[in-house]
Amino acid sequence: MKITHFLLLIALGSGLSCKRKLSPAEVKVNLEKAMANYLKKEQEDLSSTLRFEMVDVDYFEDREFYDCEFKVRLLRDGGKDTTGVIKSKITKDFSKVTKRW
């Protein structure tokens, strides 16, 4: 009887501790959202009227973070635009963005 309870506890513990692995598409969406939020905060500091859209992101999954390269389209008043690249590191929980130069 005690062995059954022990095995049940192990099964429950391992089931609860397992995180679902995100698909590459889900990672990409979450990285783009994290960078968009970061850029919005940066834009507030500059108090400008720039808009941007994420064109694409390439990333490498490291042990503790994602090493990213974003292609971003910057839209200015008057219909002018430009496309650039922003390199960054984003934590695995998508909560912290650090720009790389």
C-alpha atoms as a PDB file:
ATOM      1  CA  MET A   1       0.000   0.000   0.000  1.00  0.00           C
ATOM      2  CA  LYS A   2       2.809   2.443   0.849  1.00  0.00           C
ATOM      3  CA  ILE A   3       4.610   1.724  -2.408  1.00  0.00           C
ATOM      4  CA  THR A   4       1.450   2.563  -4.355  1.00  0.00           C
ATOM      5  CA  HIS A   5       1.150   5.927  -2.587  1.00  0.00           C
ATOM      6  CA  PHE A   6       4.831   6.631  -3.202  1.00  0.00           C
ATOM      7  CA  LEU A   7       4.513   5.867  -6.926  1.00  0.00           C
ATOM      8  CA  LEU A   8       1.393   8.016  -7.128  1.00  0.00           C
ATOM      9  CA  LEU A   9       3.247  10.949  -5.534  1.00  0.00           C
ATOM     10  CA  ILE A  10       6.135  10.568  -7.965  1.00  0.00           C
ATOM     11  CA  ALA A  11       3.757  10.476 -10.927  1.00  0.00           C
ATOM     12  CA  LEU A  12       1.905  13.560  -9.712  1.00  0.00           C
ATOM     13  CA  GLY A  13       5.116  15.439  -8.997  1.00  0.00           C
ATOM     14  CA  SER A  14       6.650  14.722 -12.358  1.00  0.00           C
ATOM     15  CA  GLY A  15       3.416  15.595 -14.145  1.00  0.00           C
ATOM     16  CA  LEU A  16       3.112  18.940 -12.397  1.00  0.00           C
ATOM     17  CA  SER A  17       6.746  19.898 -12.820  1.00  0.00           C
ATOM     18  CA  CYS A  18       6.842  19.363 -16.589  1.00  0.00           C
ATOM     19  CA  LYS A  19       6.523  22.501 -18.676  1.00  0.00           C
ATOM     20  CA  ARG A  20       4.976  22.321 -22.093  1.00  0.00           C
ATOM     21  CA  LYS A  21       7.604  23.012 -24.740  1.00  0.00           C
ATOM     22  CA  LEU A  22       6.613  25.888 -27.007  1.00  0.00           C
ATOM     23  CA  SER A  23       6.528  25.316 -30.735  1.00  0.00           C
ATOM     24  CA  PRO A  24       8.887  27.412 -32.901  1.00  0.00           C
ATOM     25  CA  ALA A  25       5.891  29.444 -34.110  1.00  0.00           C
ATOM     26  CA  GLU A  26       4.819  30.173 -30.499  1.00  0.00           C
ATOM     27  CA  VAL A  27       8.359  31.195 -29.555  1.00  0.00           C
ATOM     28  CA  LYS A  28       8.511  33.528 -32.550  1.00  0.00           C
ATOM     29  CA  VAL A  29       5.191  35.184 -31.629  1.00  0.00           C
ATOM     30  CA  ASN A  30       6.238  35.617 -27.997  1.00  0.00           C
ATOM     31  CA  LEU A  31       9.623  37.075 -28.979  1.00  0.00           C
ATOM     32  CA  GLU A  32       7.941  39.573 -31.310  1.00  0.00           C
ATOM     33  CA  LYS A  33       5.500  40.592 -28.556  1.00  0.00           C
ATOM     34  CA  ALA A  34       8.335  41.037 -26.060  1.00  0.00           C
ATOM     35  CA  MET A  35      10.303  43.230 -28.478  1.00  0.00           C
ATOM     36  CA  ALA A  36       7.201  45.244 -29.425  1.00  0.00           C
ATOM     37  CA  ASN A  37       6.525  45.960 -25.736  1.00  0.00           C
ATOM     38  CA  TYR A  38      10.161  46.949 -25.241  1.00  0.00           C
ATOM     39  CA  LEU A  39      10.068  49.321 -28.227  1.00  0.00           C
ATOM     40  CA  LYS A  40       6.809  50.888 -27.016  1.00  0.00           C
ATOM     41  CA  LYS A  41       8.435  51.659 -23.657  1.00  0.00           C
ATOM     42  CA  GLU A  42      11.462  53.130 -25.425  1.00  0.00           C
ATOM     43  CA  GLN A  43       9.174  55.204 -27.644  1.00  0.00           C
ATOM     44  CA  GLU A  44       7.373  56.646 -24.592  1.00  0.00           C
ATOM     45  CA  ASP A  45      10.729  57.911 -23.322  1.00  0.00           C
ATOM     46  CA  LEU A  46      11.384  59.638 -26.646  1.00  0.00           C
ATOM     47  CA  SER A  47       7.783  60.907 -26.871  1.00  0.00           C
ATOM     48  CA  SER A  48       7.877  60.591 -30.651  1.00  0.00           C
ATOM     49  CA  THR A  49       5.203  59.687 -33.143  1.00  0.00           C
ATOM     50  CA  LEU A  50       7.028  56.741 -34.681  1.00  0.00           C
ATOM     51  CA  ARG A  51       5.242  53.477 -35.353  1.00  0.00           C
ATOM     52  CA  PHE A  52       6.854  50.144 -36.013  1.00  0.00           C
ATOM     53  CA  GLU A  53       5.983  46.657 -37.110  1.00  0.00           C
ATOM     54  CA  MET A  54       7.865  43.421 -36.727  1.00  0.00           C
ATOM     55  CA  VAL A  55       8.817  42.020 -40.112  1.00  0.00           C
ATOM     56  CA  ASP A  56      10.683  38.894 -38.978  1.00  0.00           C
ATOM     57  CA  VAL A  57      12.791  37.434 -36.194  1.00  0.00           C
ATOM     58  CA  ASP A  58      15.624  34.943 -36.306  1.00  0.00           C
ATOM     59  CA  TYR A  59      16.660  33.449 -32.986  1.00  0.00           C
ATOM     60  CA  PHE A  60      18.956  30.976 -31.339  1.00  0.00           C
ATOM     61  CA  GLU A  61      17.760  29.275 -28.162  1.00  0.00           C
ATOM     62  CA  ASP A  62      20.480  29.343 -25.539  1.00  0.00           C
ATOM     63  CA  ARG A  63      20.279  27.776 -22.099  1.00  0.00           C
ATOM     64  CA  GLU A  64      18.890  30.855 -20.300  1.00  0.00           C
ATOM     65  CA  PHE A  65      17.751  33.192 -23.083  1.00  0.00           C
ATOM     66  CA  TYR A  66      16.955  33.628 -26.754  1.00  0.00           C
ATOM     67  CA  ASP A  67      19.596  35.405 -28.832  1.00  0.00           C
ATOM     68  CA  CYS A  68      17.539  37.330 -31.397  1.00  0.00           C
ATOM     69  CA  GLU A  69      17.841  39.396 -34.529  1.00  0.00           C
ATOM     70  CA  PHE A  70      14.677  41.328 -35.399  1.00  0.00           C
ATOM     71  CA  LYS A  71      13.900  42.913 -38.734  1.00  0.00           C
ATOM     72  CA  VAL A  72      11.746  45.951 -37.890  1.00  0.00           C
ATOM     73  CA  ARG A  73       9.944  48.382 -40.186  1.00  0.00           C
ATOM     74  CA  LEU A  74       9.837  51.916 -38.770  1.00  0.00           C
ATOM     75  CA  LEU A  75       7.010  54.144 -39.980  1.00  0.00           C
ATOM     76  CA  ARG A  76       7.286  57.927 -39.690  1.00  0.00           C
ATOM     77  CA  ASP A  77       4.750  60.708 -40.136  1.00  0.00           C
ATOM     78  CA  GLY A  78       4.308  61.697 -43.760  1.00  0.00           C
ATOM     79  CA  GLY A  79       4.436  58.135 -45.051  1.00  0.00           C
ATOM     80  CA  LYS A  80       8.204  57.701 -44.812  1.00  0.00           C
ATOM     81  CA  ASP A  81       9.534  54.389 -43.634  1.00  0.00           C
ATOM     82  CA  THR A  82      12.729  52.431 -43.206  1.00  0.00           C
ATOM     83  CA  THR A  83      13.648  48.891 -42.232  1.00  0.00           C
ATOM     84  CA  GLY A  84      16.371  48.028 -39.761  1.00  0.00           C
ATOM     85  CA  VAL A  85      17.800  45.252 -37.638  1.00  0.00           C
ATOM     86  CA  ILE A  86      17.744  45.127 -33.844  1.00  0.00           C
ATOM     87  CA  LYS A  87      19.769  42.494 -32.009  1.00  0.00           C
ATOM     88  CA  SER A  88      18.780  41.503 -28.495  1.00  0.00           C
ATOM     89  CA  LYS A  89      18.693  38.845 -25.821  1.00  0.00           C
ATOM     90  CA  ILE A  90      15.313  37.905 -24.363  1.00  0.00           C
ATOM     91  CA  THR A  91      14.833  35.779 -21.277  1.00  0.00           C
ATOM     92  CA  LYS A  92      13.111  32.408 -21.608  1.00  0.00           C
ATOM     93  CA  ASP A  93       9.979  33.757 -19.881  1.00  0.00           C
ATOM     94  CA  PHE A  94       9.926  36.685 -22.383  1.00  0.00           C
ATOM     95  CA  SER A  95       9.941  39.258 -19.550  1.00  0.00           C
ATOM     96  CA  LYS A  96      13.317  40.962 -20.051  1.00  0.00           C
ATOM     97  CA  VAL A  97      14.801  42.364 -23.257  1.00  0.00           C
ATOM     98  CA  THR A  98      18.444  43.415 -23.460  1.00  0.00           C
ATOM     99  CA  LYS A  99      19.736  45.118 -26.615  1.00  0.00           C
ATOM    100  CA  ARG A 100      23.015  43.884 -28.093  1.00  0.00           C
ATOM    101  CA  TRP A 101      25.212  46.159 -30.152  1.00  0.00           C
END
